[in-house]
C-alpha atoms as a PDB file:
ATOM      1  CA  MET A   1     115.680 102.225  81.928  1.00  0.00           C
ATOM      2  CA  ARG A   2     114.360  98.721  81.123  1.00  0.00           C
ATOM      3  CA  THR A   3     113.039  97.727  77.710  1.00  0.00           C
ATOM      4  CA  TYR A   4     109.911  95.525  78.064  1.00  0.00           C
ATOM      5  CA  LEU A   5     108.263  93.464  75.352  1.00  0.00           C
ATOM      6  CA  ASN A   6     104.928  94.817  76.018  1.00  0.00           C
ATOM      7  CA  GLY A   7     102.977  97.745  77.725  1.00  0.00           C
ATOM      8  CA  PRO A   8     101.212  95.569  80.392  1.00  0.00           C
ATOM      9  CA  ASP A   9     104.382  94.082  81.721  1.00  0.00           C
ATOM     10  CA  ALA A  10     105.853  97.468  82.188  1.00  0.00           C
ATOM     11  CA  ILE A  11     102.541  98.769  83.806  1.00  0.00           C
ATOM     12  CA  SER A  12     102.392  95.782  85.978  1.00  0.00           C
ATOM     13  CA  ASP A  13     106.074  96.210  87.418  1.00  0.00           C
ATOM     14  CA  LEU A  14     105.195  99.892  88.164  1.00  0.00           C
ATOM     15  CA  HIS A  15     101.831  99.071  89.981  1.00  0.00           C
ATOM     16  CA  LYS A  16     104.166  96.643  92.048  1.00  0.00           C
ATOM     17  CA  LYS A  17     106.220  99.584  92.908  1.00  0.00           C
ATOM     18  CA  ARG A  18     103.137 101.618  93.911  1.00  0.00           C
ATOM     19  CA  PHE A  19     102.547 103.717  90.804  1.00  0.00           C
ATOM     20  CA  ALA A  20      98.860 103.672  91.153  1.00  0.00           C
ATOM     21  CA  ASN A  21      97.569 106.777  89.554  1.00  0.00           C
ATOM     22  CA  ASP A  22      97.209 107.469  85.946  1.00  0.00           C
ATOM     23  CA  PHE A  23      98.302 110.654  84.334  1.00  0.00           C
ATOM     24  CA  HIS A  24      97.834 112.224  80.768  1.00  0.00           C
ATOM     25  CA  LEU A  25     100.091 115.041  79.527  1.00  0.00           C
ATOM     26  CA  SER A  26      98.454 118.477  79.002  1.00  0.00           C
ATOM     27  CA  GLY A  27     100.879 120.991  77.677  1.00  0.00           C
ATOM     28  CA  ASN A  28     103.632 121.293  80.434  1.00  0.00           C
ATOM     29  CA  ASP A  29     101.241 119.823  83.198  1.00  0.00           C
ATOM     30  CA  LEU A  30     100.066 116.432  84.050  1.00  0.00           C
ATOM     31  CA  PHE A  31      96.387 115.696  84.202  1.00  0.00           C
ATOM     32  CA  TRP A  32      95.725 113.522  87.166  1.00  0.00           C
ATOM     33  CA  VAL A  33      92.804 111.147  86.071  1.00  0.00           C
ATOM     34  CA  GLN A  34      91.605 109.980  89.341  1.00  0.00           C
ATOM     35  CA  GLU A  35      91.123 113.223  90.909  1.00  0.00           C
ATOM     36  CA  ASN A  36      90.432 115.201  87.801  1.00  0.00           C
ATOM     37  CA  LEU A  37      93.261 117.740  88.780  1.00  0.00           C
ATOM     38  CA  PHE A  38      96.098 119.272  86.917  1.00  0.00           C
ATOM     39  CA  ILE A  39      99.562 118.763  88.498  1.00  0.00           C
ATOM     40  CA  ARG A  40     101.977 121.779  87.565  1.00  0.00           C
ATOM     41  CA  ALA A  41     105.296 121.096  85.793  1.00  0.00           C
ATOM     42  CA  GLY A  42     107.314 122.019  89.147  1.00  0.00           C
ATOM     43  CA  GLU A  43     105.147 119.643  91.061  1.00  0.00           C
ATOM     44  CA  PHE A  44     106.249 116.353  89.523  1.00  0.00           C
ATOM     45  CA  SER A  45     109.411 114.293  88.680  1.00  0.00           C
ATOM     46  CA  ILE A  46     110.157 111.392  86.527  1.00  0.00           C
ATOM     47  CA  LEU A  47     111.530 108.482  88.633  1.00  0.00           C
ATOM     48  CA  GLU A  48     112.020 106.043  85.815  1.00  0.00           C
ATOM     49  CA  TYR A  49     110.921 105.328  82.322  1.00  0.00           C
ATOM     50  CA  HIS A  50     110.845 102.395  79.960  1.00  0.00           C
ATOM     51  CA  LYS A  51     110.665 101.861  76.165  1.00  0.00           C
ATOM     52  CA  ILE A  52     108.361  99.299  74.638  1.00  0.00           C
ATOM     53  CA  PRO A  53     109.206  98.172  70.994  1.00  0.00           C
ATOM     54  CA  GLY A  54     106.632  98.945  68.425  1.00  0.00           C
ATOM     55  CA  SER A  55     105.075  96.177  66.362  1.00  0.00           C
ATOM     56  CA  LYS A  56     106.333  97.573  63.068  1.00  0.00           C
ATOM     57  CA  THR A  57     108.352 100.590  63.465  1.00  0.00           C
ATOM     58  CA  LYS A  58     110.358 102.752  66.013  1.00  0.00           C
ATOM     59  CA  MET A  59     107.288 105.327  65.545  1.00  0.00           C
ATOM     60  CA  ASP A  60     105.051 102.517  67.162  1.00  0.00           C
ATOM     61  CA  GLU A  61     107.065 102.445  70.223  1.00  0.00           C
ATOM     62  CA  LEU A  62     105.481 103.486  73.764  1.00  0.00           C
ATOM     63  CA  ILE A  63     107.416 105.226  76.474  1.00  0.00           C
ATOM     64  CA  VAL A  64     105.966 104.427  79.845  1.00  0.00           C
ATOM     65  CA  PHE A  65     107.021 106.922  82.595  1.00  0.00           C
ATOM     66  CA  GLY A  66     106.816 106.201  86.546  1.00  0.00           C
ATOM     67  CA  ILE A  67     105.950 109.793  87.948  1.00  0.00           C
ATOM     68  CA  ILE A  68     105.941 111.020  91.552  1.00  0.00           C
ATOM     69  CA  ALA A  69     104.296 114.197  92.667  1.00  0.00           C
ATOM     70  CA  PRO A  70     105.375 114.595  96.219  1.00  0.00           C
ATOM     71  CA  HIS A  71     103.270 117.698  97.015  1.00  0.00           C
ATOM     72  CA  HIS A  72     100.144 115.402  96.308  1.00  0.00           C
ATOM     73  CA  ASN A  73     101.836 112.390  97.732  1.00  0.00           C
ATOM     74  CA  ILE A  74     101.189 110.300  94.840  1.00  0.00           C
ATOM     75  CA  LYS A  75     103.191 108.001  92.317  1.00  0.00           C
ATOM     76  CA  GLY A  76     101.440 107.144  88.958  1.00  0.00           C
ATOM     77  CA  ILE A  77     102.062 106.298  85.198  1.00  0.00           C
ATOM     78  CA  LEU A  78     102.224 108.309  82.194  1.00  0.00           C
ATOM     79  CA  ILE A  79     102.149 106.331  78.758  1.00  0.00           C
ATOM     80  CA  HIS A  80     103.500 108.478  75.751  1.00  0.00           C
ATOM     81  CA  HIS A  81     103.829 107.167  72.185  1.00  0.00           C
ATOM     82  CA  TYR A  82     107.071 107.605  70.855  1.00  0.00           C
ATOM     83  CA  LYS A  83     105.711 109.344  67.631  1.00  0.00           C
ATOM     84  CA  ASN A  84     104.149 112.056  69.933  1.00  0.00           C
ATOM     85  CA  TYR A  85     107.271 112.183  71.848  1.00  0.00           C
ATOM     86  CA  THR A  86     109.277 113.180  68.907  1.00  0.00           C
ATOM     87  CA  ASN A  87     106.791 115.681  67.430  1.00  0.00           C
ATOM     88  CA  ASN A  88     104.707 117.121  70.260  1.00  0.00           C
ATOM     89  CA  THR A  89     106.406 116.644  73.598  1.00  0.00           C
ATOM     90  CA  SER A  90     106.435 119.553  75.908  1.00  0.00           C
ATOM     91  CA  PRO A  91     109.885 121.340  76.630  1.00  0.00           C
ATOM     92  CA  VAL A  92     109.244 120.671  80.308  1.00  0.00           C
ATOM     93  CA  LEU A  93     109.029 116.896  79.940  1.00  0.00           C
ATOM     94  CA  ILE A  94     112.006 116.957  77.692  1.00  0.00           C
ATOM     95  CA  LYS A  95     114.003 118.806  80.230  1.00  0.00           C
ATOM     96  CA  LYS A  96     112.840 116.304  83.138  1.00  0.00           C
ATOM     97  CA  LEU A  97     113.854 113.480  80.983  1.00  0.00           C
ATOM     98  CA  ASN A  98     117.340 114.729  80.408  1.00  0.00           C
ATOM     99  CA  GLU A  99     117.821 115.457  83.905  1.00  0.00           C
ATOM    100  CA  LEU A 100     116.895 111.968  84.726  1.00  0.00           C
ATOM    101  CA  SER A 101     119.327 110.587  82.180  1.00  0.00           C
ATOM    102  CA  THR A 102     122.110 112.802  83.404  1.00  0.00           C
ATOM    103  CA  HIS A 103     121.603 111.849  87.127  1.00  0.00           C
ATOM    104  CA  ALA A 104     121.359 108.346  86.070  1.00  0.00           C
ATOM    105  CA  GLY A 105     124.147 108.427  83.858  1.00  0.00           C
ATOM    106  CA  ILE A 106     121.902 107.207  80.747  1.00  0.00           C
ATOM    107  CA  TYR A 107     122.568 108.807  77.134  1.00  0.00           C
ATOM    108  CA  ASN A 108     119.718 108.834  74.728  1.00  0.00           C
END
């Protein structure tokens, strides 16, 4: 995980890695904006994520996720506010993050 100073830098780097689609979190699923399609929890993985510091407090931080959905042959970006992460993040997303952290040797 790399920490960026702002969101556009993180998104630009992910675009260079061919993360070209946009996702929104909808319960345990992702909503694929470009295709107006829901991707079920078992159909995607988090490949990387990056924290972007907030301007005032930790609650202002963003987390930018690099997501892959192999069944749909796509890579994309999910942007999540840290405030929402601590209060409203789905159990599936937390599980996927924990798996990513364990595999990468990262402990949050």
